[in-house]
N, C-alpha and C. Protein backbone atom coordinates (compact mmCIF):
# COMPACT_ATOMS: atom_id res chain seq x y z
N UNK A 1 -24.61 22.78 -8.37
CA UNK A 1 -24.80 21.35 -8.11
C UNK A 1 -23.59 20.81 -7.37
N UNK A 2 -23.83 20.00 -6.31
CA UNK A 2 -22.73 19.47 -5.52
C UNK A 2 -21.98 18.41 -6.31
N UNK A 3 -20.66 18.51 -6.31
CA UNK A 3 -19.85 17.56 -7.06
C UNK A 3 -19.83 16.21 -6.36
N UNK A 4 -19.85 15.13 -7.16
CA UNK A 4 -19.78 13.79 -6.58
C UNK A 4 -18.34 13.35 -6.39
N UNK A 5 -17.39 14.16 -6.85
CA UNK A 5 -16.00 13.81 -6.73
C UNK A 5 -15.41 14.36 -5.44
N UNK A 6 -14.15 13.90 -5.14
CA UNK A 6 -13.48 14.36 -3.92
C UNK A 6 -13.22 15.86 -4.01
N UNK A 7 -13.21 16.54 -2.85
CA UNK A 7 -12.88 17.97 -2.86
C UNK A 7 -11.45 18.19 -3.35
N UNK A 8 -11.19 19.41 -3.80
CA UNK A 8 -9.85 19.74 -4.28
C UNK A 8 -8.85 19.67 -3.11
N UNK A 9 -7.67 19.11 -3.41
CA UNK A 9 -6.65 18.94 -2.37
C UNK A 9 -6.12 20.29 -1.91
N UNK A 10 -5.95 20.44 -0.58
CA UNK A 10 -5.48 21.69 -0.01
C UNK A 10 -4.01 21.58 0.40
N UNK A 11 -3.35 22.74 0.50
CA UNK A 11 -1.96 22.79 0.96
C UNK A 11 -1.93 22.87 2.48
N UNK A 12 -2.37 21.81 3.12
CA UNK A 12 -2.36 21.78 4.58
C UNK A 12 -1.85 20.42 5.04
N UNK A 13 -1.28 20.40 6.24
CA UNK A 13 -0.71 19.16 6.77
C UNK A 13 -1.54 18.63 7.93
N UNK A 14 -1.96 19.55 8.83
CA UNK A 14 -2.59 19.13 10.08
C UNK A 14 -4.08 18.90 9.89
N UNK A 15 -4.42 17.67 9.49
CA UNK A 15 -5.80 17.25 9.35
C UNK A 15 -5.99 15.92 10.07
N UNK A 16 -7.23 15.59 10.38
CA UNK A 16 -7.51 14.31 11.05
C UNK A 16 -7.11 13.12 10.16
N UNK A 17 -7.43 13.11 8.86
CA UNK A 17 -7.00 11.98 8.03
C UNK A 17 -5.48 11.80 8.00
N UNK A 18 -4.72 12.91 7.97
CA UNK A 18 -3.27 12.81 7.97
C UNK A 18 -2.76 12.24 9.29
N UNK A 19 -3.41 12.63 10.39
CA UNK A 19 -3.03 12.08 11.71
C UNK A 19 -3.28 10.58 11.75
N UNK A 20 -4.39 10.13 11.14
CA UNK A 20 -4.70 8.70 11.09
C UNK A 20 -3.65 7.97 10.24
N UNK A 21 -3.27 8.55 9.10
CA UNK A 21 -2.24 7.94 8.24
C UNK A 21 -0.91 7.83 8.99
N UNK A 22 -0.55 8.87 9.74
CA UNK A 22 0.70 8.84 10.52
C UNK A 22 0.64 7.77 11.60
N UNK A 23 -0.53 7.59 12.21
CA UNK A 23 -0.68 6.53 13.22
C UNK A 23 -0.53 5.15 12.58
N UNK A 24 -1.06 5.01 11.34
CA UNK A 24 -0.87 3.74 10.62
C UNK A 24 0.60 3.46 10.38
N UNK A 25 1.34 4.50 9.98
CA UNK A 25 2.78 4.33 9.75
C UNK A 25 3.48 3.98 11.06
N UNK A 26 3.05 4.60 12.17
CA UNK A 26 3.65 4.33 13.48
C UNK A 26 3.40 2.89 13.93
N UNK A 27 2.31 2.27 13.46
CA UNK A 27 1.99 0.88 13.83
C UNK A 27 2.88 -0.13 13.11
N UNK A 28 3.44 0.26 11.97
CA UNK A 28 4.17 -0.68 11.11
C UNK A 28 5.34 -1.36 11.82
N UNK A 29 6.22 -0.63 12.59
CA UNK A 29 7.30 -1.33 13.29
C UNK A 29 6.78 -2.39 14.28
N UNK A 30 5.68 -2.10 14.95
CA UNK A 30 5.11 -3.07 15.90
C UNK A 30 4.60 -4.31 15.17
N UNK A 31 3.92 -4.09 14.02
CA UNK A 31 3.44 -5.22 13.22
C UNK A 31 4.61 -6.07 12.75
N UNK A 32 5.68 -5.41 12.27
CA UNK A 32 6.86 -6.12 11.76
C UNK A 32 7.48 -6.98 12.83
N UNK A 33 7.67 -6.41 14.02
CA UNK A 33 8.29 -7.17 15.13
C UNK A 33 7.40 -8.33 15.56
N UNK A 34 6.10 -8.08 15.66
CA UNK A 34 5.17 -9.13 16.09
C UNK A 34 5.14 -10.30 15.10
N UNK A 35 5.09 -9.98 13.79
CA UNK A 35 5.07 -11.05 12.78
C UNK A 35 6.38 -11.82 12.78
N UNK A 36 7.51 -11.10 12.82
CA UNK A 36 8.82 -11.77 12.76
C UNK A 36 9.07 -12.66 13.98
N UNK A 37 8.47 -12.30 15.13
CA UNK A 37 8.58 -13.15 16.33
C UNK A 37 7.41 -14.11 16.47
N UNK A 38 6.58 -14.17 15.41
CA UNK A 38 5.47 -15.12 15.31
C UNK A 38 4.41 -14.92 16.40
N UNK A 39 4.23 -13.66 16.82
CA UNK A 39 3.08 -13.31 17.65
C UNK A 39 1.95 -12.95 16.68
N UNK A 40 1.42 -13.98 16.02
CA UNK A 40 0.60 -13.76 14.84
C UNK A 40 -0.78 -13.20 15.15
N UNK A 41 -1.37 -13.61 16.26
CA UNK A 41 -2.72 -13.13 16.58
C UNK A 41 -2.69 -11.63 16.88
N UNK A 42 -1.69 -11.19 17.67
CA UNK A 42 -1.56 -9.76 17.98
C UNK A 42 -1.28 -8.95 16.72
N UNK A 43 -0.42 -9.49 15.85
CA UNK A 43 -0.10 -8.78 14.61
C UNK A 43 -1.33 -8.66 13.72
N UNK A 44 -2.17 -9.71 13.71
CA UNK A 44 -3.40 -9.66 12.92
C UNK A 44 -4.33 -8.56 13.41
N UNK A 45 -4.43 -8.41 14.72
CA UNK A 45 -5.28 -7.36 15.28
C UNK A 45 -4.80 -5.98 14.84
N UNK A 46 -3.48 -5.77 14.88
CA UNK A 46 -2.92 -4.47 14.47
C UNK A 46 -3.13 -4.24 12.97
N UNK A 47 -2.97 -5.30 12.16
CA UNK A 47 -3.19 -5.17 10.72
C UNK A 47 -4.66 -4.82 10.45
N UNK A 48 -5.56 -5.45 11.20
CA UNK A 48 -6.99 -5.17 11.05
C UNK A 48 -7.29 -3.71 11.37
N UNK A 49 -6.71 -3.20 12.46
CA UNK A 49 -6.90 -1.80 12.84
C UNK A 49 -6.36 -0.88 11.73
N UNK A 50 -5.17 -1.22 11.20
CA UNK A 50 -4.57 -0.42 10.13
C UNK A 50 -5.45 -0.42 8.88
N UNK A 51 -5.98 -1.60 8.54
CA UNK A 51 -6.83 -1.70 7.35
C UNK A 51 -8.12 -0.89 7.51
N UNK A 52 -8.73 -0.97 8.69
CA UNK A 52 -9.95 -0.20 8.94
C UNK A 52 -9.68 1.30 8.91
N UNK A 53 -8.55 1.70 9.48
CA UNK A 53 -8.21 3.14 9.50
C UNK A 53 -7.95 3.67 8.10
N UNK A 54 -7.51 2.78 7.18
CA UNK A 54 -7.27 3.19 5.79
C UNK A 54 -8.57 3.66 5.15
N UNK A 55 -9.67 2.97 5.43
CA UNK A 55 -10.96 3.40 4.91
C UNK A 55 -11.52 4.61 5.63
N UNK A 56 -11.27 4.67 6.94
CA UNK A 56 -11.80 5.77 7.76
C UNK A 56 -11.19 7.11 7.36
N UNK A 57 -9.86 7.14 7.16
CA UNK A 57 -9.23 8.44 6.84
C UNK A 57 -9.69 8.97 5.49
N UNK A 58 -9.92 8.06 4.51
CA UNK A 58 -10.43 8.51 3.21
C UNK A 58 -11.84 9.06 3.31
N UNK A 59 -12.67 8.39 4.11
CA UNK A 59 -14.06 8.85 4.29
C UNK A 59 -14.08 10.23 4.95
N UNK A 60 -13.29 10.39 6.03
CA UNK A 60 -13.27 11.68 6.74
C UNK A 60 -12.77 12.79 5.82
N UNK A 61 -11.72 12.47 5.03
CA UNK A 61 -11.16 13.49 4.13
C UNK A 61 -12.20 13.99 3.13
N UNK A 62 -12.96 13.05 2.55
CA UNK A 62 -13.97 13.45 1.55
C UNK A 62 -15.21 14.07 2.20
N UNK A 63 -15.65 13.46 3.29
CA UNK A 63 -16.91 13.90 3.92
C UNK A 63 -16.77 15.28 4.55
N UNK A 64 -15.61 15.56 5.15
CA UNK A 64 -15.44 16.82 5.89
C UNK A 64 -14.48 17.78 5.20
N UNK A 65 -14.30 17.57 3.88
CA UNK A 65 -13.49 18.48 3.07
C UNK A 65 -12.08 18.67 3.66
N UNK A 66 -11.44 17.54 3.98
CA UNK A 66 -10.08 17.58 4.54
C UNK A 66 -9.08 16.89 3.62
N UNK A 67 -9.39 16.84 2.33
CA UNK A 67 -8.45 16.27 1.36
C UNK A 67 -7.26 17.22 1.23
N UNK A 68 -6.06 16.69 1.42
CA UNK A 68 -4.85 17.53 1.34
C UNK A 68 -3.81 16.86 0.45
N UNK A 69 -2.91 17.69 -0.08
CA UNK A 69 -1.83 17.16 -0.92
C UNK A 69 -0.91 16.25 -0.10
N UNK A 70 -0.69 16.63 1.15
CA UNK A 70 0.14 15.79 2.04
C UNK A 70 -0.53 14.43 2.25
N UNK A 71 -1.85 14.44 2.43
CA UNK A 71 -2.59 13.20 2.63
C UNK A 71 -2.57 12.31 1.40
N UNK A 72 -2.60 12.92 0.21
CA UNK A 72 -2.55 12.14 -1.02
C UNK A 72 -1.22 11.42 -1.18
N UNK A 73 -0.18 11.92 -0.52
CA UNK A 73 1.11 11.24 -0.54
C UNK A 73 1.25 10.27 0.64
N UNK A 74 0.75 10.69 1.82
CA UNK A 74 0.88 9.85 3.02
C UNK A 74 0.14 8.53 2.91
N UNK A 75 -1.06 8.57 2.34
CA UNK A 75 -1.91 7.37 2.30
C UNK A 75 -1.25 6.23 1.52
N UNK A 76 -0.80 6.46 0.26
CA UNK A 76 -0.13 5.35 -0.45
C UNK A 76 1.20 4.96 0.17
N UNK A 77 1.92 5.93 0.78
CA UNK A 77 3.18 5.60 1.46
C UNK A 77 2.90 4.63 2.61
N UNK A 78 1.84 4.90 3.38
CA UNK A 78 1.47 4.02 4.51
C UNK A 78 1.14 2.62 4.00
N UNK A 79 0.37 2.54 2.89
CA UNK A 79 0.02 1.24 2.32
C UNK A 79 1.25 0.47 1.89
N UNK A 80 2.14 1.14 1.17
CA UNK A 80 3.34 0.46 0.65
C UNK A 80 4.27 0.03 1.76
N UNK A 81 4.42 0.88 2.78
CA UNK A 81 5.27 0.52 3.91
C UNK A 81 4.70 -0.69 4.66
N UNK A 82 3.38 -0.70 4.84
CA UNK A 82 2.74 -1.83 5.53
C UNK A 82 2.97 -3.13 4.76
N UNK A 83 2.76 -3.08 3.44
CA UNK A 83 2.96 -4.28 2.60
C UNK A 83 4.42 -4.73 2.65
N UNK A 84 5.35 -3.78 2.43
CA UNK A 84 6.77 -4.14 2.35
C UNK A 84 7.27 -4.74 3.66
N UNK A 85 7.02 -4.05 4.77
CA UNK A 85 7.57 -4.51 6.04
C UNK A 85 6.87 -5.75 6.57
N UNK A 86 5.60 -5.96 6.23
CA UNK A 86 4.93 -7.20 6.62
C UNK A 86 5.51 -8.37 5.83
N UNK A 87 5.76 -8.17 4.53
CA UNK A 87 6.39 -9.22 3.73
C UNK A 87 7.81 -9.50 4.24
N UNK A 88 8.53 -8.44 4.64
CA UNK A 88 9.86 -8.61 5.24
C UNK A 88 9.77 -9.50 6.48
N UNK A 89 8.81 -9.20 7.35
CA UNK A 89 8.64 -9.98 8.58
C UNK A 89 8.24 -11.42 8.26
N UNK A 90 7.37 -11.60 7.25
CA UNK A 90 6.98 -12.95 6.85
C UNK A 90 8.16 -13.73 6.28
N UNK A 91 9.08 -13.02 5.63
CA UNK A 91 10.30 -13.66 5.15
C UNK A 91 11.20 -14.09 6.30
N UNK A 92 11.35 -13.21 7.29
CA UNK A 92 12.17 -13.52 8.47
C UNK A 92 11.61 -14.74 9.21
N UNK A 93 10.28 -14.82 9.29
CA UNK A 93 9.64 -15.94 10.00
C UNK A 93 9.40 -17.16 9.09
N UNK A 94 9.96 -17.13 7.86
CA UNK A 94 9.92 -18.25 6.90
C UNK A 94 8.50 -18.63 6.48
N UNK A 95 7.60 -17.66 6.46
CA UNK A 95 6.24 -17.90 5.97
C UNK A 95 6.17 -17.60 4.48
N UNK A 96 6.93 -16.61 4.02
CA UNK A 96 7.01 -16.24 2.60
C UNK A 96 8.46 -16.32 2.12
N UNK A 97 8.66 -16.64 0.83
CA UNK A 97 10.03 -16.68 0.30
C UNK A 97 10.62 -15.28 0.16
N UNK A 98 11.95 -15.19 0.28
CA UNK A 98 12.63 -13.90 0.22
C UNK A 98 12.51 -13.23 -1.14
N UNK A 99 12.42 -14.03 -2.21
CA UNK A 99 12.35 -13.42 -3.54
C UNK A 99 11.12 -12.53 -3.68
N UNK A 100 10.05 -12.87 -2.94
CA UNK A 100 8.82 -12.06 -3.01
C UNK A 100 9.07 -10.66 -2.45
N UNK A 101 9.86 -10.58 -1.38
CA UNK A 101 10.23 -9.29 -0.80
C UNK A 101 11.01 -8.46 -1.82
N UNK A 102 11.94 -9.10 -2.53
CA UNK A 102 12.76 -8.40 -3.52
C UNK A 102 11.89 -7.87 -4.66
N UNK A 103 10.94 -8.70 -5.13
CA UNK A 103 10.05 -8.31 -6.23
C UNK A 103 9.19 -7.10 -5.84
N UNK A 104 8.59 -7.15 -4.65
CA UNK A 104 7.75 -6.04 -4.18
C UNK A 104 8.60 -4.79 -3.91
N UNK A 105 9.75 -4.99 -3.26
CA UNK A 105 10.63 -3.86 -2.93
C UNK A 105 11.17 -3.16 -4.16
N UNK A 106 11.50 -3.93 -5.19
CA UNK A 106 12.03 -3.34 -6.43
C UNK A 106 10.98 -2.48 -7.10
N UNK A 107 9.73 -2.94 -7.10
CA UNK A 107 8.65 -2.16 -7.70
C UNK A 107 8.45 -0.84 -6.95
N UNK A 108 8.46 -0.89 -5.62
CA UNK A 108 8.28 0.34 -4.84
C UNK A 108 9.46 1.29 -5.00
N UNK A 109 10.66 0.73 -5.16
CA UNK A 109 11.84 1.56 -5.40
C UNK A 109 11.72 2.30 -6.73
N UNK A 110 11.24 1.61 -7.75
CA UNK A 110 11.04 2.24 -9.06
C UNK A 110 9.98 3.34 -8.98
N UNK A 111 8.90 3.08 -8.23
CA UNK A 111 7.84 4.09 -8.08
C UNK A 111 8.35 5.32 -7.34
N UNK A 112 9.20 5.10 -6.31
CA UNK A 112 9.77 6.23 -5.57
C UNK A 112 10.65 7.07 -6.49
N UNK A 113 11.43 6.41 -7.34
CA UNK A 113 12.27 7.13 -8.31
C UNK A 113 11.44 7.91 -9.30
N UNK A 114 10.32 7.31 -9.76
CA UNK A 114 9.43 7.99 -10.70
C UNK A 114 8.82 9.25 -10.08
N UNK A 115 8.40 9.15 -8.82
CA UNK A 115 7.82 10.31 -8.12
C UNK A 115 8.83 11.43 -8.01
N UNK A 116 10.08 11.08 -7.69
CA UNK A 116 11.14 12.09 -7.57
C UNK A 116 11.42 12.76 -8.91
N UNK A 117 11.44 11.97 -9.99
CA UNK A 117 11.70 12.53 -11.32
C UNK A 117 10.56 13.46 -11.74
N UNK A 118 9.31 13.00 -11.52
CA UNK A 118 8.15 13.82 -11.89
C UNK A 118 8.08 15.11 -11.08
N UNK A 119 8.57 15.05 -9.85
CA UNK A 119 8.58 16.25 -9.00
C UNK A 119 9.46 17.34 -9.61
N UNK A 120 10.48 16.95 -10.40
CA UNK A 120 11.32 17.93 -11.07
C UNK A 120 10.54 18.71 -12.14
N UNK A 121 9.45 18.09 -12.60
CA UNK A 121 8.58 18.74 -13.60
C UNK A 121 7.33 19.33 -12.94
N UNK A 122 7.36 19.45 -11.61
CA UNK A 122 6.24 20.00 -10.83
C UNK A 122 4.97 19.14 -10.89
N UNK A 123 5.15 17.83 -11.07
CA UNK A 123 4.01 16.92 -11.02
C UNK A 123 3.97 16.25 -9.64
N UNK A 124 2.76 16.10 -9.13
CA UNK A 124 2.58 15.34 -7.90
C UNK A 124 2.45 13.86 -8.22
N UNK A 125 1.98 13.05 -7.24
CA UNK A 125 1.79 11.62 -7.49
C UNK A 125 0.76 11.39 -8.60
N UNK A 126 0.98 10.37 -9.41
CA UNK A 126 0.06 10.05 -10.49
C UNK A 126 -1.26 9.52 -9.93
N UNK A 127 -2.37 9.73 -10.65
CA UNK A 127 -3.65 9.18 -10.19
C UNK A 127 -3.57 7.66 -10.03
N UNK A 128 -4.22 7.15 -8.99
CA UNK A 128 -4.17 5.71 -8.71
C UNK A 128 -4.95 4.96 -9.78
N UNK A 129 -4.31 3.94 -10.36
CA UNK A 129 -4.94 3.13 -11.40
C UNK A 129 -5.70 1.97 -10.74
N UNK A 130 -6.74 1.49 -11.45
CA UNK A 130 -7.54 0.37 -10.93
C UNK A 130 -6.66 -0.86 -10.67
N UNK A 131 -5.68 -1.10 -11.55
CA UNK A 131 -4.79 -2.26 -11.37
C UNK A 131 -3.98 -2.12 -10.08
N UNK A 132 -3.56 -0.88 -9.78
CA UNK A 132 -2.82 -0.64 -8.54
C UNK A 132 -3.68 -0.89 -7.32
N UNK A 133 -4.95 -0.42 -7.37
CA UNK A 133 -5.88 -0.66 -6.27
C UNK A 133 -6.13 -2.16 -6.09
N UNK A 134 -6.27 -2.86 -7.23
CA UNK A 134 -6.52 -4.31 -7.18
C UNK A 134 -5.34 -5.04 -6.56
N UNK A 135 -4.13 -4.69 -7.00
CA UNK A 135 -2.93 -5.32 -6.46
C UNK A 135 -2.78 -5.08 -4.97
N UNK A 136 -2.98 -3.84 -4.54
CA UNK A 136 -2.88 -3.50 -3.12
C UNK A 136 -3.94 -4.24 -2.31
N UNK A 137 -5.18 -4.29 -2.85
CA UNK A 137 -6.27 -4.97 -2.14
C UNK A 137 -5.97 -6.47 -1.99
N UNK A 138 -5.48 -7.09 -3.06
CA UNK A 138 -5.15 -8.52 -3.00
C UNK A 138 -4.05 -8.79 -1.98
N UNK A 139 -3.03 -7.93 -1.96
CA UNK A 139 -1.95 -8.10 -0.98
C UNK A 139 -2.45 -7.87 0.44
N UNK A 140 -3.33 -6.88 0.61
CA UNK A 140 -3.88 -6.58 1.94
C UNK A 140 -4.78 -7.71 2.46
N UNK A 141 -5.37 -8.47 1.54
CA UNK A 141 -6.19 -9.62 1.93
C UNK A 141 -5.31 -10.87 2.10
N UNK A 142 -4.42 -11.08 1.12
CA UNK A 142 -3.61 -12.30 1.11
C UNK A 142 -2.62 -12.39 2.26
N UNK A 143 -2.00 -11.26 2.63
CA UNK A 143 -0.98 -11.28 3.69
C UNK A 143 -1.59 -11.65 5.05
N UNK A 144 -2.68 -10.99 5.48
CA UNK A 144 -3.29 -11.42 6.75
C UNK A 144 -3.79 -12.86 6.71
N UNK A 145 -4.30 -13.29 5.52
CA UNK A 145 -4.78 -14.67 5.40
C UNK A 145 -3.62 -15.65 5.57
N UNK A 146 -2.44 -15.31 5.05
CA UNK A 146 -1.25 -16.15 5.26
C UNK A 146 -0.89 -16.24 6.74
N UNK A 147 -1.00 -15.11 7.43
CA UNK A 147 -0.69 -15.10 8.86
C UNK A 147 -1.68 -15.98 9.62
N UNK A 148 -2.97 -15.90 9.25
CA UNK A 148 -4.00 -16.76 9.88
C UNK A 148 -3.66 -18.22 9.62
N UNK A 149 -3.32 -18.55 8.36
CA UNK A 149 -3.03 -19.94 8.00
C UNK A 149 -1.83 -20.48 8.77
N UNK A 150 -0.87 -19.61 9.07
CA UNK A 150 0.33 -20.07 9.79
C UNK A 150 0.15 -20.07 11.30
N UNK A 151 -0.85 -19.36 11.78
CA UNK A 151 -1.05 -19.25 13.23
C UNK A 151 -1.66 -20.52 13.81
N UNK A 152 -2.39 -21.27 12.99
CA UNK A 152 -3.03 -22.50 13.47
C UNK A 152 -2.64 -23.66 12.56
N UNK A 153 -2.84 -24.89 13.06
CA UNK A 153 -2.49 -26.07 12.29
C UNK A 153 -3.75 -26.82 11.89
N UNK A 154 -3.59 -27.73 10.93
CA UNK A 154 -4.72 -28.52 10.45
C UNK A 154 -4.83 -28.44 8.95
N UNK A 155 -5.53 -29.40 8.35
CA UNK A 155 -5.63 -29.48 6.89
C UNK A 155 -6.32 -28.26 6.30
N UNK A 156 -7.33 -27.73 7.03
CA UNK A 156 -8.04 -26.55 6.53
C UNK A 156 -7.10 -25.35 6.41
N UNK A 157 -6.19 -25.20 7.37
CA UNK A 157 -5.27 -24.07 7.35
C UNK A 157 -4.16 -24.26 6.32
N UNK A 158 -3.83 -25.53 6.01
CA UNK A 158 -2.86 -25.78 4.94
C UNK A 158 -3.46 -25.38 3.58
N UNK A 159 -4.75 -25.67 3.40
CA UNK A 159 -5.44 -25.25 2.18
C UNK A 159 -5.52 -23.72 2.13
N UNK A 160 -5.84 -23.10 3.28
CA UNK A 160 -5.89 -21.64 3.35
C UNK A 160 -4.53 -21.03 2.99
N UNK A 161 -3.44 -21.69 3.43
CA UNK A 161 -2.10 -21.19 3.11
C UNK A 161 -1.88 -21.16 1.60
N UNK A 162 -2.28 -22.22 0.91
CA UNK A 162 -2.10 -22.29 -0.55
C UNK A 162 -2.95 -21.23 -1.26
N UNK A 163 -4.20 -21.09 -0.81
CA UNK A 163 -5.09 -20.08 -1.41
C UNK A 163 -4.54 -18.67 -1.17
N UNK A 164 -4.08 -18.42 0.06
CA UNK A 164 -3.54 -17.10 0.40
C UNK A 164 -2.29 -16.78 -0.40
N UNK A 165 -1.45 -17.79 -0.59
CA UNK A 165 -0.24 -17.60 -1.38
C UNK A 165 -0.59 -17.25 -2.81
N UNK A 166 -1.62 -17.90 -3.37
CA UNK A 166 -2.07 -17.59 -4.74
C UNK A 166 -2.60 -16.16 -4.81
N UNK A 167 -3.35 -15.73 -3.79
CA UNK A 167 -3.87 -14.35 -3.75
C UNK A 167 -2.71 -13.35 -3.72
N UNK A 168 -1.69 -13.64 -2.89
CA UNK A 168 -0.52 -12.75 -2.79
C UNK A 168 0.20 -12.68 -4.14
N UNK A 169 0.37 -13.81 -4.81
CA UNK A 169 1.06 -13.81 -6.10
C UNK A 169 0.29 -13.02 -7.16
N UNK A 170 -1.05 -13.16 -7.17
CA UNK A 170 -1.86 -12.34 -8.07
C UNK A 170 -1.75 -10.86 -7.70
N UNK A 171 -1.70 -10.60 -6.40
CA UNK A 171 -1.51 -9.22 -5.95
C UNK A 171 -0.21 -8.62 -6.46
N UNK A 172 0.86 -9.42 -6.40
CA UNK A 172 2.17 -8.96 -6.90
C UNK A 172 2.10 -8.71 -8.41
N UNK A 173 1.39 -9.60 -9.12
CA UNK A 173 1.24 -9.41 -10.57
C UNK A 173 0.57 -8.06 -10.88
N UNK A 174 -0.58 -7.80 -10.24
CA UNK A 174 -1.29 -6.54 -10.47
C UNK A 174 -0.48 -5.35 -9.98
N UNK A 175 0.28 -5.53 -8.90
CA UNK A 175 1.15 -4.49 -8.35
C UNK A 175 2.17 -4.05 -9.39
N UNK A 176 2.78 -5.04 -10.05
CA UNK A 176 3.78 -4.75 -11.08
C UNK A 176 3.13 -4.23 -12.36
N UNK A 177 1.98 -4.80 -12.73
CA UNK A 177 1.27 -4.34 -13.92
C UNK A 177 0.93 -2.86 -13.79
N UNK A 178 0.44 -2.47 -12.61
CA UNK A 178 0.15 -1.06 -12.36
C UNK A 178 1.42 -0.22 -12.40
N UNK A 179 2.50 -0.76 -11.85
CA UNK A 179 3.78 -0.05 -11.87
C UNK A 179 4.24 0.26 -13.29
N UNK A 180 4.08 -0.71 -14.19
CA UNK A 180 4.45 -0.50 -15.60
C UNK A 180 3.57 0.58 -16.23
N UNK A 181 2.27 0.55 -15.90
CA UNK A 181 1.36 1.60 -16.40
C UNK A 181 1.77 2.97 -15.90
N UNK A 182 2.15 3.07 -14.61
CA UNK A 182 2.58 4.35 -14.03
C UNK A 182 3.85 4.85 -14.72
N UNK A 183 4.78 3.95 -14.98
CA UNK A 183 6.03 4.34 -15.64
C UNK A 183 5.74 4.87 -17.05
N UNK A 184 4.87 4.18 -17.79
CA UNK A 184 4.51 4.64 -19.13
C UNK A 184 3.82 6.01 -19.08
N UNK A 185 2.93 6.18 -18.10
CA UNK A 185 2.23 7.46 -17.95
C UNK A 185 3.22 8.57 -17.59
N UNK A 186 4.15 8.27 -16.69
CA UNK A 186 5.16 9.25 -16.30
C UNK A 186 6.05 9.65 -17.46
N UNK A 187 6.48 8.66 -18.27
CA UNK A 187 7.32 8.95 -19.43
C UNK A 187 6.56 9.80 -20.45
N UNK A 188 5.26 9.52 -20.59
CA UNK A 188 4.44 10.32 -21.52
C UNK A 188 4.36 11.78 -21.07
N UNK A 189 4.19 11.99 -19.76
CA UNK A 189 4.14 13.36 -19.22
C UNK A 189 5.47 14.08 -19.44
N UNK A 190 6.57 13.37 -19.24
CA UNK A 190 7.89 13.99 -19.42
C UNK A 190 8.15 14.34 -20.88
N UNK A 191 7.69 13.47 -21.80
CA UNK A 191 7.84 13.78 -23.24
C UNK A 191 7.04 15.03 -23.60
N UNK A 192 5.83 15.14 -23.05
CA UNK A 192 5.01 16.32 -23.31
C UNK A 192 5.70 17.59 -22.81
N UNK A 193 6.30 17.50 -21.62
CA UNK A 193 7.00 18.66 -21.06
C UNK A 193 8.18 19.07 -21.94
N UNK A 194 8.92 18.07 -22.45
CA UNK A 194 10.07 18.39 -23.30
C UNK A 194 9.63 19.03 -24.61
N UNK A 195 8.48 18.61 -25.14
CA UNK A 195 7.97 19.21 -26.37
C UNK A 195 7.64 20.68 -26.20
N UNK A 196 7.19 21.05 -25.00
CA UNK A 196 6.80 22.43 -24.75
C UNK A 196 7.95 23.31 -24.28
N UNK A 197 9.13 22.73 -24.15
CA UNK A 197 10.29 23.54 -23.71
C UNK A 197 10.85 24.34 -24.86
């Protein structure tokens, strides 16, 4: 019977989904510069392309049996880099407060440290939690909406700015909530390893 789950990850690097993820990462400096210089419409187009490619690479990986261990690391790295550097650019252009960048950056720094520690125990990245997906999705929706709200003027866009800011703040909440869950899961794995030593 054919499995409904993703194929087993392979030890390969050169796949179409990985190439798409690398192209997404390559777009991030352009998005950052465009947002920070307030070329908001162009930056929105690039963010849209990046968001669409995020779904495309996952579909290709599962549909054509191209799921790889490298891809499982590249995909979340691309998402986190896009979120972090877009928030950085929004801070530079005074659309978002700087403290938000610090809050998001600190969470990603902790996650990077956790991945490095777990790698010492031969563990790969932890399975993605629903809260993490929710936080990332809210940030991916809220950040472009903030850019739209700032690109045009009028009462409707001021309301959109407030709604988008609320979505981003909820995204940050779920982002951190997932981070705490990952830390607890990582600590549990490390305790299990120590018991078996």
